[in-house]
Amino acid sequence: LVSSAEETAKDLYRTLVETNQLRAQQALPPTHTFLATGDAKAFESLARRFLGPEVTRVEHQDL
């Protein structure tokens, strides 16, 4: 059995190494801002369940 997700991750890693696009070890950690068209607090609560406590910046965005 072959996991397509695992093979895709390996291919992506290899490509990032070959093109020198890996994040530098000494670089600052990234920050992420999530945009929600509905209730930002409700989205943040649900997002933390799936993505972890790192979800800290959620902003409401009108369409």
Protein backbone atom coordinates (compact mmCIF):
# COMPACT_ATOMS: atom_id res chain seq x y z
CA LEU A 1 0.00 0.00 0.00
CA VAL A 2 1.34 3.43 -0.94
CA SER A 3 0.23 6.57 0.87
CA SER A 4 -0.22 9.29 -1.73
CA ALA A 5 -0.05 11.93 1.02
CA GLU A 6 3.33 10.64 2.20
CA GLU A 7 4.72 10.46 -1.33
CA THR A 8 3.45 13.96 -2.08
CA ALA A 9 5.12 15.28 1.09
CA LYS A 10 8.41 13.61 0.11
CA ASP A 11 8.24 15.09 -3.40
CA LEU A 12 7.48 18.55 -2.02
CA TYR A 13 10.36 18.34 0.47
CA ARG A 14 12.76 17.24 -2.27
CA THR A 15 11.64 20.12 -4.50
CA LEU A 16 12.03 22.67 -1.69
CA VAL A 17 15.55 21.41 -0.95
CA GLU A 18 16.55 21.41 -4.63
CA THR A 19 15.29 24.97 -5.15
CA ASN A 20 16.66 26.26 -1.83
CA GLN A 21 13.22 27.32 -0.59
CA LEU A 22 13.23 25.77 2.88
CA ARG A 23 12.72 28.25 5.71
CA ALA A 24 16.01 29.19 7.33
CA GLN A 25 16.53 27.64 10.78
CA GLN A 26 17.23 31.04 12.34
CA ALA A 27 14.17 32.67 10.76
CA LEU A 28 11.38 33.94 12.96
CA PRO A 29 8.38 31.63 13.18
CA PRO A 30 5.60 32.49 10.74
CA THR A 31 2.44 34.28 11.80
CA HIS A 32 -0.91 33.35 10.35
CA THR A 33 -4.05 35.46 10.12
CA PHE A 34 -7.33 33.72 9.40
CA LEU A 35 -10.22 35.60 7.80
CA ALA A 36 -13.78 34.59 8.64
CA THR A 37 -16.91 35.82 6.89
CA GLY A 38 -19.03 34.73 9.84
CA ASP A 39 -18.52 34.93 13.59
CA ALA A 40 -14.75 35.24 14.10
CA LYS A 41 -14.85 33.93 17.69
CA ALA A 42 -16.83 30.84 16.66
CA PHE A 43 -14.40 30.21 13.81
CA GLU A 44 -11.42 30.61 16.16
CA SER A 45 -12.89 28.11 18.61
CA LEU A 46 -13.51 25.52 15.90
CA ALA A 47 -10.16 26.17 14.20
CA ARG A 48 -8.32 25.55 17.47
CA ARG A 49 -9.97 22.15 17.75
CA PHE A 50 -8.63 21.15 14.33
CA LEU A 51 -5.41 23.17 14.00
CA GLY A 52 -4.33 23.59 17.62
CA PRO A 53 -3.86 26.48 20.04
CA GLU A 54 -1.61 28.31 17.58
CA VAL A 55 -4.74 29.81 15.98
CA THR A 56 -4.68 33.22 17.64
CA ARG A 57 -5.41 35.75 14.91
CA VAL A 58 -8.87 35.57 13.40
CA GLU A 59 -10.41 38.65 11.81
CA HIS A 60 -13.89 39.17 10.47
CA GLN A 61 -14.03 39.93 6.74
CA ASP A 62 -17.13 41.27 5.02
CA LEU A 63 -17.81 40.04 1.53
